Amino acid sequence: MAAPALPALLPYAMTAGIGLMYYRRIRRQFGRQPWQPRRTMVRIALLALVLASLVLAGIFVPGAALAVATALALGAALGMYGISQTRIELVDGQRSYLPNPWIGGALSLLLVGRLAWRLMHGGFVQAQPGGASPLTLAFAAALIGYYLTYSIALALRMRRLVPDSSIA
């Protein structure tokens, strides 16, 4: 009779999986990060797809269009500020970058806070009536706007970084 136990454990397994995903995301916000162009391009493509779905959700979820548009603009502005605070370095011929820890910390708190709120209100166990809320879509749009803008700007800045030939 292990089959009935599986649905009962599913919320905990999902929580652990999401927690691991958030841990990896938080870890990338602090300290020197190696530049991985393929990973960044895949991230940009996936974020663009998620952005398209958020725009559609903003259109079809009642009252969400303004929330999504405003949060997307705020996320993009924060992304531009974040890239201006990022140090781009060439260390031993390897491109790397050092993101601003304050912006990373704030975004990490936003992600963890949203996860905690969802756990406290049974968000992984029961579906919300009427679909996604405008607040949830706004959080998602702000994060997608930030990461998409930051990733694109980082890719452009990394391409301009050329090794200094005078150090040889």
N, C-alpha and C. Protein backbone atom coordinates (compact mmCIF):
# COMPACT_ATOMS: atom_id res chain seq x y z
N MET A 1 0.81 -1.19 0.00
CA MET A 1 0.00 0.00 0.00
C MET A 1 0.85 1.25 0.00
N ALA A 2 1.90 1.26 -0.78
CA ALA A 2 2.78 2.43 -0.87
C ALA A 2 2.22 3.48 -1.80
N ALA A 3 1.28 3.13 -2.66
CA ALA A 3 0.74 4.09 -3.62
C ALA A 3 0.02 5.26 -2.95
N PRO A 4 -0.82 5.05 -1.90
CA PRO A 4 -1.46 6.20 -1.27
C PRO A 4 -0.46 7.12 -0.55
N ALA A 5 0.67 6.59 -0.14
CA ALA A 5 1.66 7.41 0.56
C ALA A 5 2.35 8.39 -0.38
N LEU A 6 2.44 8.06 -1.66
CA LEU A 6 3.12 8.93 -2.61
C LEU A 6 2.45 10.30 -2.74
N PRO A 7 1.13 10.39 -2.95
CA PRO A 7 0.52 11.73 -3.01
C PRO A 7 0.68 12.52 -1.71
N ALA A 8 0.71 11.84 -0.58
CA ALA A 8 0.89 12.54 0.69
C ALA A 8 2.29 13.12 0.82
N LEU A 9 3.28 12.47 0.21
CA LEU A 9 4.66 12.95 0.29
C LEU A 9 5.02 13.92 -0.83
N LEU A 10 4.17 14.03 -1.84
CA LEU A 10 4.47 14.88 -2.99
C LEU A 10 4.71 16.35 -2.61
N PRO A 11 3.90 16.97 -1.74
CA PRO A 11 4.20 18.37 -1.38
C PRO A 11 5.57 18.54 -0.73
N TYR A 12 5.99 17.57 0.07
CA TYR A 12 7.30 17.66 0.72
C TYR A 12 8.43 17.47 -0.29
N ALA A 13 8.23 16.56 -1.23
CA ALA A 13 9.24 16.35 -2.26
C ALA A 13 9.36 17.58 -3.16
N MET A 14 8.23 18.17 -3.51
CA MET A 14 8.27 19.39 -4.32
C MET A 14 8.94 20.52 -3.56
N THR A 15 8.65 20.64 -2.28
CA THR A 15 9.27 21.68 -1.46
C THR A 15 10.77 21.49 -1.39
N ALA A 16 11.21 20.25 -1.21
CA ALA A 16 12.66 19.99 -1.18
C ALA A 16 13.30 20.31 -2.52
N GLY A 17 12.65 19.94 -3.61
CA GLY A 17 13.18 20.24 -4.94
C GLY A 17 13.25 21.74 -5.21
N ILE A 18 12.20 22.45 -4.84
CA ILE A 18 12.19 23.90 -5.02
C ILE A 18 13.22 24.55 -4.11
N GLY A 19 13.36 24.02 -2.89
CA GLY A 19 14.38 24.55 -1.98
C GLY A 19 15.78 24.39 -2.54
N LEU A 20 16.06 23.25 -3.15
CA LEU A 20 17.36 23.02 -3.78
C LEU A 20 17.57 23.98 -4.95
N MET A 21 16.53 24.19 -5.72
CA MET A 21 16.61 25.13 -6.85
C MET A 21 16.90 26.55 -6.35
N TYR A 22 16.22 26.96 -5.28
CA TYR A 22 16.46 28.29 -4.72
C TYR A 22 17.87 28.41 -4.13
N TYR A 23 18.34 27.34 -3.48
CA TYR A 23 19.69 27.35 -2.94
C TYR A 23 20.71 27.60 -4.04
N ARG A 24 20.55 26.92 -5.18
CA ARG A 24 21.48 27.11 -6.29
C ARG A 24 21.39 28.53 -6.83
N ARG A 25 20.18 29.07 -6.92
CA ARG A 25 19.99 30.43 -7.42
C ARG A 25 20.65 31.43 -6.45
N ILE A 26 20.47 31.23 -5.16
CA ILE A 26 21.04 32.14 -4.17
C ILE A 26 22.57 32.07 -4.21
N ARG A 27 23.11 30.88 -4.36
CA ARG A 27 24.56 30.71 -4.40
C ARG A 27 25.18 31.48 -5.56
N ARG A 28 24.45 31.61 -6.68
CA ARG A 28 24.98 32.33 -7.83
C ARG A 28 24.92 33.84 -7.66
N GLN A 29 24.32 34.32 -6.59
CA GLN A 29 24.22 35.77 -6.38
C GLN A 29 25.42 36.33 -5.61
N PHE A 30 26.27 35.47 -5.07
CA PHE A 30 27.36 35.92 -4.21
C PHE A 30 28.69 35.38 -4.70
N GLY A 31 29.71 36.22 -4.60
CA GLY A 31 31.06 35.81 -4.96
C GLY A 31 31.32 35.85 -6.45
N ARG A 32 32.58 35.65 -6.82
CA ARG A 32 32.98 35.67 -8.22
C ARG A 32 32.36 34.48 -8.95
N GLN A 33 31.78 34.78 -10.10
CA GLN A 33 31.12 33.76 -10.90
C GLN A 33 31.86 33.62 -12.23
N PRO A 34 32.15 32.40 -12.65
CA PRO A 34 32.78 32.22 -13.96
C PRO A 34 31.76 32.50 -15.06
N TRP A 35 32.24 33.08 -16.15
CA TRP A 35 31.38 33.36 -17.29
C TRP A 35 31.17 32.08 -18.08
N GLN A 36 29.91 31.70 -18.26
CA GLN A 36 29.56 30.51 -19.02
C GLN A 36 28.60 30.94 -20.13
N PRO A 37 29.13 31.26 -21.32
CA PRO A 37 28.30 31.84 -22.37
C PRO A 37 27.14 30.95 -22.82
N ARG A 38 27.35 29.65 -22.92
CA ARG A 38 26.25 28.77 -23.35
C ARG A 38 25.12 28.78 -22.34
N ARG A 39 25.48 28.68 -21.07
CA ARG A 39 24.46 28.67 -20.02
C ARG A 39 23.68 29.99 -20.02
N THR A 40 24.39 31.09 -20.26
CA THR A 40 23.71 32.39 -20.29
C THR A 40 22.77 32.49 -21.48
N MET A 41 23.18 32.00 -22.64
CA MET A 41 22.31 32.05 -23.82
C MET A 41 21.08 31.17 -23.64
N VAL A 42 21.26 30.00 -23.03
CA VAL A 42 20.11 29.13 -22.75
C VAL A 42 19.18 29.82 -21.75
N ARG A 43 19.76 30.46 -20.73
CA ARG A 43 18.96 31.19 -19.74
C ARG A 43 18.17 32.31 -20.41
N ILE A 44 18.80 33.05 -21.31
CA ILE A 44 18.11 34.14 -22.00
C ILE A 44 16.94 33.58 -22.82
N ALA A 45 17.16 32.49 -23.52
CA ALA A 45 16.09 31.89 -24.34
C ALA A 45 14.93 31.41 -23.46
N LEU A 46 15.24 30.73 -22.37
CA LEU A 46 14.18 30.25 -21.48
C LEU A 46 13.43 31.40 -20.82
N LEU A 47 14.17 32.42 -20.40
CA LEU A 47 13.51 33.58 -19.77
C LEU A 47 12.62 34.32 -20.76
N ALA A 48 13.02 34.36 -22.02
CA ALA A 48 12.18 35.00 -23.04
C ALA A 48 10.88 34.21 -23.23
N LEU A 49 10.96 32.89 -23.19
CA LEU A 49 9.74 32.07 -23.28
C LEU A 49 8.84 32.29 -22.07
N VAL A 50 9.43 32.34 -20.89
CA VAL A 50 8.65 32.59 -19.68
C VAL A 50 8.03 33.99 -19.72
N LEU A 51 8.79 34.95 -20.24
CA LEU A 51 8.26 36.31 -20.36
C LEU A 51 7.05 36.33 -21.30
N ALA A 52 7.12 35.60 -22.39
CA ALA A 52 5.98 35.54 -23.32
C ALA A 52 4.75 34.96 -22.62
N SER A 53 4.95 33.93 -21.82
CA SER A 53 3.81 33.34 -21.10
C SER A 53 3.27 34.28 -20.03
N LEU A 54 4.16 35.05 -19.39
CA LEU A 54 3.71 36.03 -18.40
C LEU A 54 2.90 37.14 -19.05
N VAL A 55 3.32 37.57 -20.23
CA VAL A 55 2.56 38.61 -20.95
C VAL A 55 1.18 38.07 -21.30
N LEU A 56 1.10 36.83 -21.77
CA LEU A 56 -0.20 36.23 -22.06
C LEU A 56 -1.05 36.11 -20.80
N ALA A 57 -0.42 35.70 -19.69
CA ALA A 57 -1.16 35.61 -18.43
C ALA A 57 -1.65 36.99 -18.00
N GLY A 58 -0.82 38.01 -18.20
CA GLY A 58 -1.23 39.36 -17.86
C GLY A 58 -2.43 39.83 -18.67
N ILE A 59 -2.52 39.33 -19.89
CA ILE A 59 -3.66 39.69 -20.75
C ILE A 59 -4.92 38.96 -20.31
N PHE A 60 -4.80 37.67 -19.99
CA PHE A 60 -5.99 36.85 -19.75
C PHE A 60 -6.42 36.77 -18.29
N VAL A 61 -5.54 37.06 -17.33
CA VAL A 61 -5.94 37.04 -15.92
C VAL A 61 -6.52 38.42 -15.60
N PRO A 62 -7.76 38.45 -15.10
CA PRO A 62 -8.39 39.74 -14.81
C PRO A 62 -7.58 40.58 -13.80
N GLY A 63 -7.32 41.82 -14.16
CA GLY A 63 -6.63 42.75 -13.27
C GLY A 63 -5.13 42.57 -13.19
N ALA A 64 -4.55 41.74 -14.03
CA ALA A 64 -3.13 41.45 -13.92
C ALA A 64 -2.27 42.21 -14.92
N ALA A 65 -2.86 42.80 -15.95
CA ALA A 65 -2.07 43.45 -17.00
C ALA A 65 -1.22 44.59 -16.44
N LEU A 66 -1.81 45.45 -15.64
CA LEU A 66 -1.06 46.57 -15.07
C LEU A 66 0.02 46.08 -14.10
N ALA A 67 -0.30 45.07 -13.30
CA ALA A 67 0.68 44.52 -12.34
C ALA A 67 1.87 43.92 -13.07
N VAL A 68 1.60 43.16 -14.13
CA VAL A 68 2.68 42.53 -14.88
C VAL A 68 3.54 43.57 -15.58
N ALA A 69 2.91 44.55 -16.22
CA ALA A 69 3.66 45.58 -16.96
C ALA A 69 4.51 46.42 -16.01
N THR A 70 3.95 46.82 -14.87
CA THR A 70 4.69 47.64 -13.91
C THR A 70 5.85 46.86 -13.32
N ALA A 71 5.59 45.63 -12.91
CA ALA A 71 6.64 44.81 -12.31
C ALA A 71 7.74 44.48 -13.31
N LEU A 72 7.37 44.26 -14.56
CA LEU A 72 8.35 43.99 -15.60
C LEU A 72 9.26 45.20 -15.81
N ALA A 73 8.67 46.38 -15.84
CA ALA A 73 9.47 47.60 -16.00
C ALA A 73 10.39 47.81 -14.79
N LEU A 74 9.88 47.57 -13.58
CA LEU A 74 10.72 47.71 -12.38
C LEU A 74 11.84 46.68 -12.37
N GLY A 75 11.54 45.45 -12.78
CA GLY A 75 12.56 44.40 -12.85
C GLY A 75 13.65 44.75 -13.86
N ALA A 76 13.24 45.28 -15.02
CA ALA A 76 14.23 45.67 -16.03
C ALA A 76 15.10 46.82 -15.54
N ALA A 77 14.49 47.78 -14.86
CA ALA A 77 15.28 48.90 -14.31
C ALA A 77 16.26 48.39 -13.25
N LEU A 78 15.82 47.48 -12.41
CA LEU A 78 16.71 46.91 -11.41
C LEU A 78 17.83 46.11 -12.07
N GLY A 79 17.52 45.45 -13.17
CA GLY A 79 18.54 44.70 -13.93
C GLY A 79 19.61 45.63 -14.48
N MET A 80 19.20 46.78 -14.99
CA MET A 80 20.18 47.75 -15.50
C MET A 80 21.03 48.31 -14.36
N TYR A 81 20.40 48.57 -13.22
CA TYR A 81 21.17 49.03 -12.07
C TYR A 81 22.12 47.92 -11.60
N GLY A 82 21.62 46.69 -11.59
CA GLY A 82 22.45 45.56 -11.15
C GLY A 82 23.67 45.36 -12.02
N ILE A 83 23.52 45.50 -13.33
CA ILE A 83 24.67 45.31 -14.21
C ILE A 83 25.66 46.45 -14.05
N SER A 84 25.18 47.65 -13.71
CA SER A 84 26.10 48.77 -13.49
C SER A 84 26.90 48.58 -12.21
N GLN A 85 26.40 47.76 -11.30
CA GLN A 85 27.10 47.49 -10.04
C GLN A 85 27.91 46.20 -10.09
N THR A 86 27.95 45.55 -11.23
CA THR A 86 28.67 44.29 -11.38
C THR A 86 30.08 44.55 -11.90
N ARG A 87 31.05 43.90 -11.26
CA ARG A 87 32.44 44.00 -11.72
C ARG A 87 32.72 42.86 -12.68
N ILE A 88 33.20 43.24 -13.87
CA ILE A 88 33.58 42.27 -14.89
C ILE A 88 35.10 42.16 -14.84
N GLU A 89 35.62 40.93 -14.77
CA GLU A 89 37.06 40.75 -14.61
C GLU A 89 37.57 39.67 -15.57
N LEU A 90 38.85 39.81 -15.87
CA LEU A 90 39.55 38.78 -16.62
C LEU A 90 40.65 38.27 -15.70
N VAL A 91 40.48 37.07 -15.13
CA VAL A 91 41.41 36.51 -14.17
C VAL A 91 42.03 35.27 -14.78
N ASP A 92 43.34 35.31 -14.99
CA ASP A 92 44.08 34.20 -15.58
C ASP A 92 43.47 33.78 -16.92
N GLY A 93 43.10 34.74 -17.73
CA GLY A 93 42.54 34.47 -19.03
C GLY A 93 41.09 33.99 -19.01
N GLN A 94 40.50 33.89 -17.83
CA GLN A 94 39.12 33.42 -17.66
C GLN A 94 38.21 34.61 -17.35
N ARG A 95 37.14 34.76 -18.13
CA ARG A 95 36.19 35.83 -17.87
C ARG A 95 35.33 35.47 -16.67
N SER A 96 35.15 36.45 -15.79
CA SER A 96 34.30 36.23 -14.62
C SER A 96 33.64 37.55 -14.26
N TYR A 97 32.67 37.46 -13.38
CA TYR A 97 31.98 38.66 -12.93
C TYR A 97 31.65 38.53 -11.45
N LEU A 98 31.54 39.67 -10.81
CA LEU A 98 31.24 39.74 -9.39
C LEU A 98 29.97 40.55 -9.21
N PRO A 99 28.81 39.87 -9.02
CA PRO A 99 27.55 40.61 -8.88
C PRO A 99 27.49 41.35 -7.55
N ASN A 100 26.65 42.37 -7.51
CA ASN A 100 26.45 43.14 -6.29
C ASN A 100 25.75 42.25 -5.25
N PRO A 101 26.35 42.07 -4.07
CA PRO A 101 25.74 41.17 -3.08
C PRO A 101 24.44 41.71 -2.49
N TRP A 102 24.25 43.02 -2.46
CA TRP A 102 23.02 43.58 -1.89
C TRP A 102 21.82 43.29 -2.78
N ILE A 103 21.99 43.46 -4.07
CA ILE A 103 20.90 43.16 -4.99
C ILE A 103 20.61 41.67 -4.97
N GLY A 104 21.66 40.87 -4.98
CA GLY A 104 21.48 39.42 -4.89
C GLY A 104 20.79 39.00 -3.61
N GLY A 105 21.18 39.63 -2.51
CA GLY A 105 20.55 39.32 -1.22
C GLY A 105 19.08 39.69 -1.19
N ALA A 106 18.74 40.86 -1.75
CA ALA A 106 17.34 41.29 -1.78
C ALA A 106 16.50 40.36 -2.64
N LEU A 107 17.01 39.98 -3.80
CA LEU A 107 16.27 39.06 -4.66
C LEU A 107 16.14 37.69 -4.02
N SER A 108 17.18 37.26 -3.33
CA SER A 108 17.12 35.98 -2.64
C SER A 108 16.06 36.00 -1.53
N LEU A 109 16.00 37.10 -0.79
CA LEU A 109 14.97 37.22 0.25
C LEU A 109 13.57 37.22 -0.35
N LEU A 110 13.42 37.87 -1.49
CA LEU A 110 12.12 37.88 -2.17
C LEU A 110 11.72 36.46 -2.56
N LEU A 111 12.65 35.70 -3.12
CA LEU A 111 12.35 34.33 -3.51
C LEU A 111 12.02 33.44 -2.31
N VAL A 112 12.83 33.52 -1.27
CA VAL A 112 12.61 32.70 -0.09
C VAL A 112 11.33 33.11 0.63
N GLY A 113 11.07 34.41 0.69
CA GLY A 113 9.84 34.90 1.31
C GLY A 113 8.60 34.42 0.58
N ARG A 114 8.66 34.44 -0.74
CA ARG A 114 7.52 33.97 -1.53
C ARG A 114 7.31 32.47 -1.33
N LEU A 115 8.40 31.71 -1.28
CA LEU A 115 8.30 30.28 -1.03
C LEU A 115 7.69 30.02 0.35
N ALA A 116 8.15 30.73 1.36
CA ALA A 116 7.63 30.56 2.71
C ALA A 116 6.15 30.91 2.77
N TRP A 117 5.75 31.97 2.11
CA TRP A 117 4.34 32.37 2.11
C TRP A 117 3.50 31.28 1.46
N ARG A 118 3.98 30.74 0.34
CA ARG A 118 3.23 29.68 -0.33
C ARG A 118 3.12 28.43 0.56
N LEU A 119 4.18 28.10 1.26
CA LEU A 119 4.13 26.93 2.14
C LEU A 119 3.16 27.14 3.29
N MET A 120 3.15 28.33 3.88
CA MET A 120 2.28 28.62 5.02
C MET A 120 0.80 28.63 4.63
N HIS A 121 0.52 28.96 3.38
CA HIS A 121 -0.86 29.05 2.94
C HIS A 121 -1.28 27.87 2.06
N GLY A 122 -0.53 26.78 2.12
CA GLY A 122 -0.89 25.57 1.39
C GLY A 122 -0.84 25.71 -0.12
N GLY A 123 0.02 26.58 -0.61
CA GLY A 123 0.08 26.86 -2.04
C GLY A 123 0.53 25.70 -2.89
N PHE A 124 1.22 24.72 -2.32
CA PHE A 124 1.68 23.58 -3.11
C PHE A 124 0.71 22.40 -3.00
N VAL A 125 -0.23 22.49 -2.10
CA VAL A 125 -1.16 21.39 -1.89
C VAL A 125 -2.48 21.63 -2.62
N GLN A 126 -2.97 22.85 -2.56
CA GLN A 126 -4.26 23.15 -3.16
C GLN A 126 -4.12 24.22 -4.22
N ALA A 127 -4.91 24.10 -5.24
CA ALA A 127 -4.90 25.10 -6.31
C ALA A 127 -5.67 26.34 -5.88
N GLN A 128 -5.23 27.48 -6.34
CA GLN A 128 -5.91 28.73 -6.02
C GLN A 128 -7.12 28.88 -6.92
N PRO A 129 -8.28 29.21 -6.35
CA PRO A 129 -9.45 29.38 -7.22
C PRO A 129 -9.27 30.59 -8.14
N GLY A 130 -9.66 30.41 -9.39
CA GLY A 130 -9.56 31.53 -10.34
C GLY A 130 -8.19 31.66 -10.99
N GLY A 131 -7.27 30.74 -10.74
CA GLY A 131 -5.95 30.81 -11.36
C GLY A 131 -4.97 31.64 -10.56
N ALA A 132 -3.92 32.10 -11.23
CA ALA A 132 -2.85 32.85 -10.57
C ALA A 132 -3.34 34.24 -10.16
N SER A 133 -2.79 34.74 -9.07
CA SER A 133 -3.17 36.07 -8.61
C SER A 133 -2.30 37.12 -9.30
N PRO A 134 -2.79 38.35 -9.42
CA PRO A 134 -1.97 39.43 -9.99
C PRO A 134 -0.68 39.66 -9.20
N LEU A 135 -0.72 39.44 -7.87
CA LEU A 135 0.49 39.61 -7.06
C LEU A 135 1.54 38.58 -7.43
N THR A 136 1.12 37.33 -7.60
CA THR A 136 2.06 36.28 -7.99
C THR A 136 2.65 36.58 -9.36
N LEU A 137 1.81 37.00 -10.28
CA LEU A 137 2.30 37.35 -11.62
C LEU A 137 3.24 38.55 -11.58
N ALA A 138 2.97 39.50 -10.69
CA ALA A 138 3.85 40.67 -10.56
C ALA A 138 5.23 40.26 -10.03
N PHE A 139 5.25 39.40 -9.01
CA PHE A 139 6.53 38.90 -8.49
C PHE A 139 7.31 38.21 -9.61
N ALA A 140 6.63 37.35 -10.33
CA ALA A 140 7.29 36.61 -11.41
C ALA A 140 7.79 37.57 -12.49
N ALA A 141 6.98 38.56 -12.86
CA ALA A 141 7.38 39.51 -13.91
C ALA A 141 8.58 40.34 -13.47
N ALA A 142 8.63 40.75 -12.21
CA ALA A 142 9.77 41.52 -11.72
C ALA A 142 11.05 40.68 -11.77
N LEU A 143 10.97 39.44 -11.33
CA LEU A 143 12.15 38.58 -11.34
C LEU A 143 12.59 38.25 -12.76
N ILE A 144 11.64 37.95 -13.63
CA ILE A 144 11.98 37.64 -15.02
C ILE A 144 12.56 38.88 -15.70
N GLY A 145 11.96 40.04 -15.44
CA GLY A 145 12.49 41.29 -16.01
C GLY A 145 13.91 41.56 -15.57
N TYR A 146 14.18 41.33 -14.28
CA TYR A 146 15.53 41.55 -13.76
C TYR A 146 16.52 40.58 -14.41
N TYR A 147 16.23 39.29 -14.33
CA TYR A 147 17.19 38.29 -14.81
C TYR A 147 17.39 38.35 -16.32
N LEU A 148 16.34 38.65 -17.07
CA LEU A 148 16.48 38.76 -18.51
C LEU A 148 17.33 39.97 -18.89
N THR A 149 17.03 41.11 -18.28
CA THR A 149 17.82 42.32 -18.55
C THR A 149 19.27 42.13 -18.12
N TYR A 150 19.47 41.59 -16.94
CA TYR A 150 20.82 41.39 -16.41
C TYR A 150 21.61 40.42 -17.29
N SER A 151 20.97 39.33 -17.71
CA SER A 151 21.67 38.33 -18.53
C SER A 151 22.06 38.89 -19.89
N ILE A 152 21.16 39.63 -20.52
CA ILE A 152 21.46 40.22 -21.82
C ILE A 152 22.59 41.24 -21.70
N ALA A 153 22.50 42.12 -20.70
CA ALA A 153 23.54 43.13 -20.51
C ALA A 153 24.88 42.49 -20.14
N LEU A 154 24.85 41.43 -19.34
CA LEU A 154 26.08 40.73 -18.98
C LEU A 154 26.72 40.10 -20.21
N ALA A 155 25.90 39.49 -21.06
CA ALA A 155 26.44 38.88 -22.29
C ALA A 155 27.08 39.94 -23.18
N LEU A 156 26.46 41.09 -23.29
CA LEU A 156 27.03 42.17 -24.11
C LEU A 156 28.33 42.70 -23.53
N ARG A 157 28.37 42.86 -22.21
CA ARG A 157 29.60 43.34 -21.58
C ARG A 157 30.72 42.32 -21.65
N MET A 158 30.40 41.05 -21.53
CA MET A 158 31.43 40.01 -21.60
C MET A 158 32.02 39.92 -23.01
N ARG A 159 31.21 40.13 -24.02
CA ARG A 159 31.72 40.09 -25.39
C ARG A 159 32.70 41.22 -25.65
N ARG A 160 32.52 42.36 -24.98
CA ARG A 160 33.43 43.49 -25.17
C ARG A 160 34.72 43.32 -24.38
N LEU A 161 34.75 42.38 -23.43
CA LEU A 161 35.94 42.17 -22.62
C LEU A 161 36.97 41.40 -23.44
N VAL A 162 38.10 42.05 -23.71
CA VAL A 162 39.15 41.39 -24.47
C VAL A 162 40.39 41.29 -23.59
N PRO A 163 41.14 40.22 -23.75
CA PRO A 163 42.35 40.08 -22.95
C PRO A 163 43.35 41.22 -23.25
N ASP A 164 44.00 41.68 -22.19
CA ASP A 164 45.00 42.75 -22.33
C ASP A 164 46.28 42.14 -22.83
N SER A 165 46.70 42.51 -24.03
CA SER A 165 47.90 41.92 -24.64
C SER A 165 49.20 42.48 -24.06
N SER A 166 49.12 43.57 -23.30
CA SER A 166 50.34 44.17 -22.74
C SER A 166 50.84 43.43 -21.52
N ILE A 167 50.04 42.51 -20.95
CA ILE A 167 50.45 41.79 -19.74
C ILE A 167 51.33 40.60 -20.07
N ALA A 168 51.34 40.14 -21.27
CA ALA A 168 52.10 38.95 -21.65
C ALA A 168 53.53 39.09 -21.31
